[in-house]
Amino acid sequence: MKSAIAMAVALLICAACGSEQKTSQQTPAGANVKAYPVDWCIVTGEKLGSMGDPVIKTYQGQEVKFCCKYCIEEFEKNQAMYLAKIDSAAAGLIKPQVTEGHGG
């Protein structure tokens, strides 16, 4: 019980710190996380690293790499759609399509 309370307190502290690595749907520690399967941003189609170091987050057990921090907000507006796109990209069904109006 004490460890559950300590974990809850730690999560609240992390939520309050505003870290860019925080997600609304964290994967529990020690859980299997699927590696990001492509070398491009699922939001913009830009090659990872083209705008500096990629931003890496985890959603529902899936690692997601973004070309920049501006893509996170767009991804979070429709997580289910982008997670499905990642699965399609992993299967080789879709290729990167660079979008216009990128905020990076």
PDB file of N, CA and C in Angstrom:
ATOM      1  N   MET A   1       0.824  -1.200   0.000  1.00  0.00           N
ATOM      2  CA  MET A   1       0.000   0.000   0.000  1.00  0.00           C
ATOM      3  C   MET A   1       0.862   1.256   0.000  1.00  0.00           C
ATOM      4  N   LYS A   2       1.953   1.223   0.809  1.00  0.00           N
ATOM      5  CA  LYS A   2       2.826   2.394   0.859  1.00  0.00           C
ATOM      6  C   LYS A   2       3.468   2.659  -0.494  1.00  0.00           C
ATOM      7  N   SER A   3       3.855   1.576  -1.192  1.00  0.00           N
ATOM      8  CA  SER A   3       4.483   1.782  -2.496  1.00  0.00           C
ATOM      9  C   SER A   3       3.493   2.349  -3.509  1.00  0.00           C
ATOM     10  N   ALA A   4       2.231   1.973  -3.414  1.00  0.00           N
ATOM     11  CA  ALA A   4       1.216   2.519  -4.315  1.00  0.00           C
ATOM     12  C   ALA A   4       1.031   4.014  -4.063  1.00  0.00           C
ATOM     13  N   ILE A   5       1.049   4.404  -2.803  1.00  0.00           N
ATOM     14  CA  ILE A   5       0.915   5.823  -2.458  1.00  0.00           C
ATOM     15  C   ILE A   5       2.144   6.578  -2.947  1.00  0.00           C
ATOM     16  N   ALA A   6       3.324   6.006  -2.734  1.00  0.00           N
ATOM     17  CA  ALA A   6       4.552   6.658  -3.188  1.00  0.00           C
ATOM     18  C   ALA A   6       4.550   6.821  -4.698  1.00  0.00           C
ATOM     19  N   MET A   7       4.075   5.808  -5.401  1.00  0.00           N
ATOM     20  CA  MET A   7       4.013   5.880  -6.864  1.00  0.00           C
ATOM     21  C   MET A   7       3.037   6.959  -7.314  1.00  0.00           C
ATOM     22  N   ALA A   8       1.893   7.046  -6.642  1.00  0.00           N
ATOM     23  CA  ALA A   8       0.904   8.068  -6.988  1.00  0.00           C
ATOM     24  C   ALA A   8       1.472   9.461  -6.755  1.00  0.00           C
ATOM     25  N   VAL A   9       2.192   9.644  -5.655  1.00  0.00           N
ATOM     26  CA  VAL A   9       2.804  10.944  -5.367  1.00  0.00           C
ATOM     27  C   VAL A   9       3.852  11.275  -6.424  1.00  0.00           C
ATOM     28  N   ALA A  10       4.671  10.283  -6.795  1.00  0.00           N
ATOM     29  CA  ALA A  10       5.691  10.510  -7.816  1.00  0.00           C
ATOM     30  C   ALA A  10       5.057  10.900  -9.147  1.00  0.00           C
ATOM     31  N   LEU A  11       3.958  10.251  -9.509  1.00  0.00           N
ATOM     32  CA  LEU A  11       3.269  10.579 -10.756  1.00  0.00           C
ATOM     33  C   LEU A  11       2.713  11.997 -10.722  1.00  0.00           C
ATOM     34  N   LEU A  12       2.176  12.405  -9.579  1.00  0.00           N
ATOM     35  CA  LEU A  12       1.662  13.768  -9.456  1.00  0.00           C
ATOM     36  C   LEU A  12       2.782  14.783  -9.581  1.00  0.00           C
ATOM     37  N   ILE A  13       3.924  14.486  -8.978  1.00  0.00           N
ATOM     38  CA  ILE A  13       5.059  15.399  -9.078  1.00  0.00           C
ATOM     39  C   ILE A  13       5.518  15.503 -10.522  1.00  0.00           C
ATOM     40  N   CYS A  14       5.635  14.373 -11.198  1.00  0.00           N
ATOM     41  CA  CYS A  14       6.053  14.384 -12.605  1.00  0.00           C
ATOM     42  C   CYS A  14       5.041  15.127 -13.476  1.00  0.00           C
ATOM     43  N   ALA A  15       3.762  14.953 -13.196  1.00  0.00           N
ATOM     44  CA  ALA A  15       2.722  15.626 -13.980  1.00  0.00           C
ATOM     45  C   ALA A  15       2.823  17.135 -13.809  1.00  0.00           C
ATOM     46  N   ALA A  16       3.218  17.562 -12.635  1.00  0.00           N
ATOM     47  CA  ALA A  16       3.297  18.992 -12.356  1.00  0.00           C
ATOM     48  C   ALA A  16       4.562  19.630 -12.921  1.00  0.00           C
ATOM     49  N   CYS A  17       5.584  18.832 -13.211  1.00  0.00           N
ATOM     50  CA  CYS A  17       6.859  19.410 -13.632  1.00  0.00           C
ATOM     51  C   CYS A  17       6.842  19.900 -15.075  1.00  0.00           C
ATOM     52  N   GLY A  18       5.890  19.423 -15.907  1.00  0.00           N
ATOM     53  CA  GLY A  18       5.777  19.913 -17.276  1.00  0.00           C
ATOM     54  C   GLY A  18       6.843  19.368 -18.204  1.00  0.00           C
ATOM     55  N   SER A  19       7.431  18.246 -17.889  1.00  0.00           N
ATOM     56  CA  SER A  19       8.458  17.650 -18.731  1.00  0.00           C
ATOM     57  C   SER A  19       7.894  17.334 -20.110  1.00  0.00           C
ATOM     58  N   GLU A  20       8.697  17.595 -21.178  1.00  0.00           N
ATOM     59  CA  GLU A  20       8.248  17.292 -22.535  1.00  0.00           C
ATOM     60  C   GLU A  20       8.101  15.800 -22.763  1.00  0.00           C
ATOM     61  N   GLN A  21       8.758  14.983 -21.961  1.00  0.00           N
ATOM     62  CA  GLN A  21       8.683  13.546 -22.137  1.00  0.00           C
ATOM     63  C   GLN A  21       7.414  12.955 -21.528  1.00  0.00           C
ATOM     64  N   LYS A  22       6.627  13.745 -20.815  1.00  0.00           N
ATOM     65  CA  LYS A  22       5.399  13.279 -20.178  1.00  0.00           C
ATOM     66  C   LYS A  22       4.319  13.068 -21.237  1.00  0.00           C
ATOM     67  N   THR A  23       3.532  11.999 -21.067  1.00  0.00           N
ATOM     68  CA  THR A  23       2.391  11.779 -21.938  1.00  0.00           C
ATOM     69  C   THR A  23       1.156  11.573 -21.093  1.00  0.00           C
ATOM     70  N   SER A  24       0.005  11.765 -21.677  1.00  0.00           N
ATOM     71  CA  SER A  24      -1.232  11.560 -20.947  1.00  0.00           C
ATOM     72  C   SER A  24      -1.537  10.085 -20.765  1.00  0.00           C
ATOM     73  N   GLN A  25      -0.874   9.234 -21.521  1.00  0.00           N
ATOM     74  CA  GLN A  25      -1.117   7.797 -21.439  1.00  0.00           C
ATOM     75  C   GLN A  25       0.207   7.072 -21.285  1.00  0.00           C
ATOM     76  N   GLN A  26       0.818   7.220 -20.117  1.00  0.00           N
ATOM     77  CA  GLN A  26       2.098   6.595 -19.843  1.00  0.00           C
ATOM     78  C   GLN A  26       1.963   5.071 -19.848  1.00  0.00           C
ATOM     79  N   THR A  27       2.997   4.400 -20.288  1.00  0.00           N
ATOM     80  CA  THR A  27       3.076   2.951 -20.208  1.00  0.00           C
ATOM     81  C   THR A  27       3.713   2.617 -18.870  1.00  0.00           C
ATOM     82  N   PRO A  28       3.145   1.676 -18.110  1.00  0.00           N
ATOM     83  CA  PRO A  28       3.715   1.335 -16.808  1.00  0.00           C
ATOM     84  C   PRO A  28       5.177   0.915 -16.926  1.00  0.00           C
ATOM     85  N   ALA A  29       5.965   1.277 -15.894  1.00  0.00           N
ATOM     86  CA  ALA A  29       7.381   0.923 -15.886  1.00  0.00           C
ATOM     87  C   ALA A  29       7.541  -0.585 -16.026  1.00  0.00           C
ATOM     88  N   GLY A  30       8.485  -0.996 -16.825  1.00  0.00           N
ATOM     89  CA  GLY A  30       8.751  -2.412 -17.019  1.00  0.00           C
ATOM     90  C   GLY A  30       7.869  -3.067 -18.076  1.00  0.00           C
ATOM     91  N   ALA A  31       6.895  -2.343 -18.590  1.00  0.00           N
ATOM     92  CA  ALA A  31       6.019  -2.911 -19.620  1.00  0.00           C
ATOM     93  C   ALA A  31       6.778  -2.957 -20.949  1.00  0.00           C
ATOM     94  N   ASN A  32       6.406  -3.874 -21.802  1.00  0.00           N
ATOM     95  CA  ASN A  32       7.019  -3.950 -23.125  1.00  0.00           C
ATOM     96  C   ASN A  32       6.557  -2.777 -23.963  1.00  0.00           C
ATOM     97  N   VAL A  33       7.505  -2.105 -24.575  1.00  0.00           N
ATOM     98  CA  VAL A  33       7.206  -0.968 -25.439  1.00  0.00           C
ATOM     99  C   VAL A  33       7.656  -1.335 -26.841  1.00  0.00           C
ATOM    100  N   LYS A  34       6.740  -1.182 -27.809  1.00  0.00           N
ATOM    101  CA  LYS A  34       7.075  -1.466 -29.204  1.00  0.00           C
ATOM    102  C   LYS A  34       7.971  -0.350 -29.746  1.00  0.00           C
ATOM    103  N   ALA A  35       9.057  -0.740 -30.374  1.00  0.00           N
ATOM    104  CA  ALA A  35       9.980   0.228 -30.958  1.00  0.00           C
ATOM    105  C   ALA A  35       9.318   0.958 -32.123  1.00  0.00           C
ATOM    106  N   TYR A  36       9.698   2.210 -32.288  1.00  0.00           N
ATOM    107  CA  TYR A  36       9.194   3.002 -33.409  1.00  0.00           C
ATOM    108  C   TYR A  36       9.766   2.417 -34.695  1.00  0.00           C
ATOM    109  N   PRO A  37       8.934   2.060 -35.673  1.00  0.00           N
ATOM    110  CA  PRO A  37       9.385   1.243 -36.800  1.00  0.00           C
ATOM    111  C   PRO A  37       9.946   1.979 -38.017  1.00  0.00           C
ATOM    112  N   VAL A  38       9.880   3.300 -38.034  1.00  0.00           N
ATOM    113  CA  VAL A  38      10.314   4.032 -39.235  1.00  0.00           C
ATOM    114  C   VAL A  38      11.285   5.144 -38.860  1.00  0.00           C
ATOM    115  N   ASP A  39      11.935   5.730 -39.857  1.00  0.00           N
ATOM    116  CA  ASP A  39      12.915   6.787 -39.595  1.00  0.00           C
ATOM    117  C   ASP A  39      12.387   8.170 -39.973  1.00  0.00           C
ATOM    118  N   TRP A  40      11.068   8.302 -39.947  1.00  0.00           N
ATOM    119  CA  TRP A  40      10.432   9.573 -40.274  1.00  0.00           C
ATOM    120  C   TRP A  40       9.308   9.862 -39.286  1.00  0.00           C
ATOM    121  N   CYS A  41       8.937  11.133 -39.169  1.00  0.00           N
ATOM    122  CA  CYS A  41       7.898  11.590 -38.244  1.00  0.00           C
ATOM    123  C   CYS A  41       6.528  11.196 -38.794  1.00  0.00           C
ATOM    124  N   ILE A  42       5.735  10.531 -37.984  1.00  0.00           N
ATOM    125  CA  ILE A  42       4.415  10.068 -38.416  1.00  0.00           C
ATOM    126  C   ILE A  42       3.458  11.248 -38.656  1.00  0.00           C
ATOM    127  N   VAL A  43       3.754  12.400 -38.062  1.00  0.00           N
ATOM    128  CA  VAL A  43       2.877  13.576 -38.215  1.00  0.00           C
ATOM    129  C   VAL A  43       3.182  14.325 -39.505  1.00  0.00           C
ATOM    130  N   THR A  44       4.471  14.613 -39.748  1.00  0.00           N
ATOM    131  CA  THR A  44       4.822  15.462 -40.895  1.00  0.00           C
ATOM    132  C   THR A  44       5.448  14.725 -42.065  1.00  0.00           C
ATOM    133  N   GLY A  45       5.975  13.539 -41.816  1.00  0.00           N
ATOM    134  CA  GLY A  45       6.684  12.824 -42.858  1.00  0.00           C
ATOM    135  C   GLY A  45       8.150  13.222 -42.959  1.00  0.00           C
ATOM    136  N   GLU A  46       8.574  14.190 -42.149  1.00  0.00           N
ATOM    137  CA  GLU A  46       9.967  14.644 -42.166  1.00  0.00           C
ATOM    138  C   GLU A  46      10.882  13.549 -41.635  1.00  0.00           C
ATOM    139  N   LYS A  47      12.090  13.462 -42.176  1.00  0.00           N
ATOM    140  CA  LYS A  47      13.075  12.508 -41.700  1.00  0.00           C
ATOM    141  C   LYS A  47      13.470  12.867 -40.271  1.00  0.00           C
ATOM    142  N   LEU A  48      13.507  11.860 -39.392  1.00  0.00           N
ATOM    143  CA  LEU A  48      13.922  12.106 -38.014  1.00  0.00           C
ATOM    144  C   LEU A  48      15.360  12.603 -38.005  1.00  0.00           C
ATOM    145  N   GLY A  49      15.611  13.640 -37.214  1.00  0.00           N
ATOM    146  CA  GLY A  49      16.929  14.254 -37.159  1.00  0.00           C
ATOM    147  C   GLY A  49      17.065  15.451 -38.071  1.00  0.00           C
ATOM    148  N   SER A  50      16.089  15.673 -38.945  1.00  0.00           N
ATOM    149  CA  SER A  50      16.165  16.800 -39.883  1.00  0.00           C
ATOM    150  C   SER A  50      15.950  18.139 -39.193  1.00  0.00           C
ATOM    151  N   MET A  51      15.410  18.110 -37.985  1.00  0.00           N
ATOM    152  CA  MET A  51      15.142  19.342 -37.232  1.00  0.00           C
ATOM    153  C   MET A  51      15.753  19.260 -35.841  1.00  0.00           C
ATOM    154  N   GLY A  52      16.882  18.597 -35.736  1.00  0.00           N
ATOM    155  CA  GLY A  52      17.517  18.390 -34.441  1.00  0.00           C
ATOM    156  C   GLY A  52      17.163  17.006 -33.913  1.00  0.00           C
ATOM    157  N   ASP A  53      17.489  16.778 -32.664  1.00  0.00           N
ATOM    158  CA  ASP A  53      17.217  15.474 -32.072  1.00  0.00           C
ATOM    159  C   ASP A  53      15.716  15.206 -32.031  1.00  0.00           C
ATOM    160  N   PRO A  54      15.303  13.994 -32.386  1.00  0.00           N
ATOM    161  CA  PRO A  54      13.877  13.648 -32.317  1.00  0.00           C
ATOM    162  C   PRO A  54      13.372  13.694 -30.872  1.00  0.00           C
ATOM    163  N   VAL A  55      12.098  13.988 -30.714  1.00  0.00           N
ATOM    164  CA  VAL A  55      11.441  13.942 -29.416  1.00  0.00           C
ATOM    165  C   VAL A  55      10.786  12.569 -29.324  1.00  0.00           C
ATOM    166  N   ILE A  56      11.048  11.851 -28.230  1.00  0.00           N
ATOM    167  CA  ILE A  56      10.553  10.483 -28.088  1.00  0.00           C
ATOM    168  C   ILE A  56       9.576  10.413 -26.926  1.00  0.00           C
ATOM    169  N   LYS A  57       8.410   9.849 -27.200  1.00  0.00           N
ATOM    170  CA  LYS A  57       7.380   9.660 -26.181  1.00  0.00           C
ATOM    171  C   LYS A  57       6.803   8.258 -26.341  1.00  0.00           C
ATOM    172  N   THR A  58       6.027   7.830 -25.346  1.00  0.00           N
ATOM    173  CA  THR A  58       5.382   6.522 -25.411  1.00  0.00           C
ATOM    174  C   THR A  58       3.884   6.703 -25.228  1.00  0.00           C
ATOM    175  N   TYR A  59       3.110   6.099 -26.111  1.00  0.00           N
ATOM    176  CA  TYR A  59       1.651   6.130 -26.060  1.00  0.00           C
ATOM    177  C   TYR A  59       1.139   4.698 -26.163  1.00  0.00           C
ATOM    178  N   GLN A  60       0.359   4.281 -25.194  1.00  0.00           N
ATOM    179  CA  GLN A  60      -0.291   2.966 -25.226  1.00  0.00           C
ATOM    180  C   GLN A  60       0.682   1.851 -25.613  1.00  0.00           C
ATOM    181  N   GLY A  61       1.882   1.875 -25.040  1.00  0.00           N
ATOM    182  CA  GLY A  61       2.862   0.833 -25.297  1.00  0.00           C
ATOM    183  C   GLY A  61       3.622   0.966 -26.598  1.00  0.00           C
ATOM    184  N   GLN A  62       3.450   2.068 -27.307  1.00  0.00           N
ATOM    185  CA  GLN A  62       4.134   2.296 -28.584  1.00  0.00           C
ATOM    186  C   GLN A  62       5.078   3.481 -28.447  1.00  0.00           C
ATOM    187  N   GLU A  63       6.353   3.261 -28.720  1.00  0.00           N
ATOM    188  CA  GLU A  63       7.300   4.365 -28.785  1.00  0.00           C
ATOM    189  C   GLU A  63       6.952   5.196 -30.018  1.00  0.00           C
ATOM    190  N   VAL A  64       6.973   6.521 -29.864  1.00  0.00           N
ATOM    191  CA  VAL A  64       6.702   7.420 -30.994  1.00  0.00           C
ATOM    192  C   VAL A  64       7.821   8.450 -31.032  1.00  0.00           C
ATOM    193  N   LYS A  65       8.403   8.634 -32.210  1.00  0.00           N
ATOM    194  CA  LYS A  65       9.455   9.630 -32.396  1.00  0.00           C
ATOM    195  C   LYS A  65       8.928  10.744 -33.290  1.00  0.00           C
ATOM    196  N   PHE A  66       9.124  11.971 -32.828  1.00  0.00           N
ATOM    197  CA  PHE A  66       8.666  13.150 -33.561  1.00  0.00           C
ATOM    198  C   PHE A  66       9.878  13.924 -34.065  1.00  0.00           C
ATOM    199  N   CYS A  67       9.732  14.587 -35.213  1.00  0.00           N
ATOM    200  CA  CYS A  67      10.839  15.378 -35.743  1.00  0.00           C
ATOM    201  C   CYS A  67      11.086  16.615 -34.882  1.00  0.00           C
ATOM    202  N   CYS A  68      10.064  17.077 -34.166  1.00  0.00           N
ATOM    203  CA  CYS A  68      10.213  18.243 -33.292  1.00  0.00           C
ATOM    204  C   CYS A  68       9.072  18.267 -32.278  1.00  0.00           C
ATOM    205  N   LYS A  69       9.179  19.138 -31.301  1.00  0.00           N
ATOM    206  CA  LYS A  69       8.170  19.197 -30.236  1.00  0.00           C
ATOM    207  C   LYS A  69       6.813  19.694 -30.733  1.00  0.00           C
ATOM    208  N   TYR A  70       6.777  20.394 -31.836  1.00  0.00           N
ATOM    209  CA  TYR A  70       5.516  20.938 -32.336  1.00  0.00           C
ATOM    210  C   TYR A  70       4.569  19.840 -32.848  1.00  0.00           C
ATOM    211  N   CYS A  71       5.127  18.704 -33.217  1.00  0.00           N
ATOM    212  CA  CYS A  71       4.300  17.608 -33.733  1.00  0.00           C
ATOM    213  C   CYS A  71       3.526  16.885 -32.630  1.00  0.00           C
ATOM    214  N   ILE A  72       3.977  17.008 -31.407  1.00  0.00           N
ATOM    215  CA  ILE A  72       3.334  16.305 -30.293  1.00  0.00           C
ATOM    216  C   ILE A  72       1.877  16.732 -30.152  1.00  0.00           C
ATOM    217  N   GLU A  73       1.622  18.020 -30.179  1.00  0.00           N
ATOM    218  CA  GLU A  73       0.255  18.532 -30.023  1.00  0.00           C
ATOM    219  C   GLU A  73      -0.665  17.987 -31.125  1.00  0.00           C
ATOM    220  N   GLU A  74      -0.176  17.983 -32.347  1.00  0.00           N
ATOM    221  CA  GLU A  74      -0.977  17.465 -33.461  1.00  0.00           C
ATOM    222  C   GLU A  74      -1.262  15.977 -33.258  1.00  0.00           C
ATOM    223  N   PHE A  75      -0.260  15.212 -32.857  1.00  0.00           N
ATOM    224  CA  PHE A  75      -0.430  13.788 -32.602  1.00  0.00           C
ATOM    225  C   PHE A  75      -1.481  13.565 -31.512  1.00  0.00           C
ATOM    226  N   GLU A  76      -1.395  14.335 -30.449  1.00  0.00           N
ATOM    227  CA  GLU A  76      -2.295  14.142 -29.305  1.00  0.00           C
ATOM    228  C   GLU A  76      -3.744  14.512 -29.615  1.00  0.00           C
ATOM    229  N   LYS A  77      -3.975  15.274 -30.673  1.00  0.00           N
ATOM    230  CA  LYS A  77      -5.351  15.587 -31.083  1.00  0.00           C
ATOM    231  C   LYS A  77      -6.067  14.359 -31.617  1.00  0.00           C
ATOM    232  N   ASN A  78      -5.304  13.397 -32.195  1.00  0.00           N
ATOM    233  CA  ASN A  78      -5.907  12.202 -32.777  1.00  0.00           C
ATOM    234  C   ASN A  78      -4.938  11.018 -32.656  1.00  0.00           C
ATOM    235  N   GLN A  79      -4.687  10.625 -31.413  1.00  0.00           N
ATOM    236  CA  GLN A  79      -3.732   9.554 -31.140  1.00  0.00           C
ATOM    237  C   GLN A  79      -4.088   8.261 -31.862  1.00  0.00           C
ATOM    238  N   ALA A  80      -5.350   7.888 -31.852  1.00  0.00           N
ATOM    239  CA  ALA A  80      -5.766   6.620 -32.466  1.00  0.00           C
ATOM    240  C   ALA A  80      -5.407   6.588 -33.952  1.00  0.00           C
ATOM    241  N   MET A  81      -5.634   7.678 -34.656  1.00  0.00           N
ATOM    242  CA  MET A  81      -5.326   7.726 -36.082  1.00  0.00           C
ATOM    243  C   MET A  81      -3.823   7.571 -36.316  1.00  0.00           C
ATOM    244  N   TYR A  82      -3.009   8.307 -35.547  1.00  0.00           N
ATOM    245  CA  TYR A  82      -1.567   8.248 -35.743  1.00  0.00           C
ATOM    246  C   TYR A  82      -0.994   6.900 -35.313  1.00  0.00           C
ATOM    247  N   LEU A  83      -1.528   6.304 -34.247  1.00  0.00           N
ATOM    248  CA  LEU A  83      -1.064   4.975 -33.843  1.00  0.00           C
ATOM    249  C   LEU A  83      -1.376   3.945 -34.927  1.00  0.00           C
ATOM    250  N   ALA A  84      -2.536   4.085 -35.562  1.00  0.00           N
ATOM    251  CA  ALA A  84      -2.881   3.197 -36.675  1.00  0.00           C
ATOM    252  C   ALA A  84      -1.932   3.429 -37.855  1.00  0.00           C
ATOM    253  N   LYS A  85      -1.553   4.686 -38.100  1.00  0.00           N
ATOM    254  CA  LYS A  85      -0.608   4.991 -39.177  1.00  0.00           C
ATOM    255  C   LYS A  85       0.752   4.363 -38.899  1.00  0.00           C
ATOM    256  N   ILE A  86       1.156   4.342 -37.619  1.00  0.00           N
ATOM    257  CA  ILE A  86       2.430   3.715 -37.263  1.00  0.00           C
ATOM    258  C   ILE A  86       2.378   2.228 -37.589  1.00  0.00           C
ATOM    259  N   ASP A  87       1.264   1.576 -37.245  1.00  0.00           N
ATOM    260  CA  ASP A  87       1.104   0.155 -37.565  1.00  0.00           C
ATOM    261  C   ASP A  87       1.162  -0.068 -39.076  1.00  0.00           C
ATOM    262  N   SER A  88       0.510   0.795 -39.838  1.00  0.00           N
ATOM    263  CA  SER A  88       0.531   0.676 -41.297  1.00  0.00           C
ATOM    264  C   SER A  88       1.935   0.905 -41.848  1.00  0.00           C
ATOM    265  N   ALA A  89       2.645   1.872 -41.270  1.00  0.00           N
ATOM    266  CA  ALA A  89       4.011   2.145 -41.714  1.00  0.00           C
ATOM    267  C   ALA A  89       4.924   0.956 -41.407  1.00  0.00           C
ATOM    268  N   ALA A  90       4.736   0.341 -40.236  1.00  0.00           N
ATOM    269  CA  ALA A  90       5.536  -0.825 -39.858  1.00  0.00           C
ATOM    270  C   ALA A  90       5.316  -1.978 -40.835  1.00  0.00           C
ATOM    271  N   ALA A  91       4.113  -2.095 -41.335  1.00  0.00           N
ATOM    272  CA  ALA A  91       3.780  -3.157 -42.289  1.00  0.00           C
ATOM    273  C   ALA A  91       4.183  -2.796 -43.716  1.00  0.00           C
ATOM    274  N   GLY A  92       4.724  -1.591 -43.908  1.00  0.00           N
ATOM    275  CA  GLY A  92       5.144  -1.164 -45.236  1.00  0.00           C
ATOM    276  C   GLY A  92       4.004  -0.702 -46.117  1.00  0.00           C
ATOM    277  N   LEU A  93       2.856  -0.435 -45.511  1.00  0.00           N
ATOM    278  CA  LEU A  93       1.681  -0.046 -46.293  1.00  0.00           C
ATOM    279  C   LEU A  93       1.636   1.436 -46.629  1.00  0.00           C
ATOM    280  N   ILE A  94       2.364   2.256 -45.863  1.00  0.00           N
ATOM    281  CA  ILE A  94       2.409   3.687 -46.167  1.00  0.00           C
ATOM    282  C   ILE A  94       3.847   4.160 -46.132  1.00  0.00           C
ATOM    283  N   LYS A  95       4.115   5.223 -46.863  1.00  0.00           N
ATOM    284  CA  LYS A  95       5.428   5.849 -46.943  1.00  0.00           C
ATOM    285  C   LYS A  95       5.304   7.274 -46.407  1.00  0.00           C
ATOM    286  N   PRO A  96       6.410   7.922 -46.082  1.00  0.00           N
ATOM    287  CA  PRO A  96       6.330   9.285 -45.560  1.00  0.00           C
ATOM    288  C   PRO A  96       5.768  10.255 -46.594  1.00  0.00           C
ATOM    289  N   GLN A  97       4.899  11.122 -46.140  1.00  0.00           N
ATOM    290  CA  GLN A  97       4.362  12.185 -46.981  1.00  0.00           C
ATOM    291  C   GLN A  97       4.573  13.480 -46.237  1.00  0.00           C
ATOM    292  N   VAL A  98       5.499  14.302 -46.709  1.00  0.00           N
ATOM    293  CA  VAL A  98       5.822  15.548 -46.032  1.00  0.00           C
ATOM    294  C   VAL A  98       4.644  16.504 -46.175  1.00  0.00           C
ATOM    295  N   THR A  99       4.201  17.032 -45.019  1.00  0.00           N
ATOM    296  CA  THR A  99       3.085  17.961 -45.007  1.00  0.00           C
ATOM    297  C   THR A  99       3.591  19.396 -45.040  1.00  0.00           C
ATOM    298  N   GLU A 100       2.755  20.312 -45.522  1.00  0.00           N
ATOM    299  CA  GLU A 100       3.118  21.728 -45.560  1.00  0.00           C
ATOM    300  C   GLU A 100       2.675  22.388 -44.275  1.00  0.00           C
ATOM    301  N   GLY A 101       3.258  23.548 -43.987  1.00  0.00           N
ATOM    302  CA  GLY A 101       2.851  24.328 -42.819  1.00  0.00           C
ATOM    303  C   GLY A 101       3.375  23.754 -41.519  1.00  0.00           C
ATOM    304  N   HIS A 102       4.536  23.101 -41.570  1.00  0.00           N
ATOM    305  CA  HIS A 102       5.113  22.518 -40.369  1.00  0.00           C
ATOM    306  C   HIS A 102       5.545  23.617 -39.426  1.00  0.00           C
ATOM    307  N   GLY A 103       5.243  23.434 -38.137  1.00  0.00           N
ATOM    308  CA  GLY A 103       5.541  24.453 -37.132  1.00  0.00           C
ATOM    309  C   GLY A 103       6.947  24.454 -36.609  1.00  0.00           C
ATOM    310  N   GLY A 104       7.811  23.494 -37.026  1.00  0.00           N
ATOM    311  CA  GLY A 104       9.174  23.374 -36.477  1.00  0.00           C
ATOM    312  C   GLY A 104      10.064  24.386 -37.027  1.00  0.00           C
TER     313      GLY A 104
END
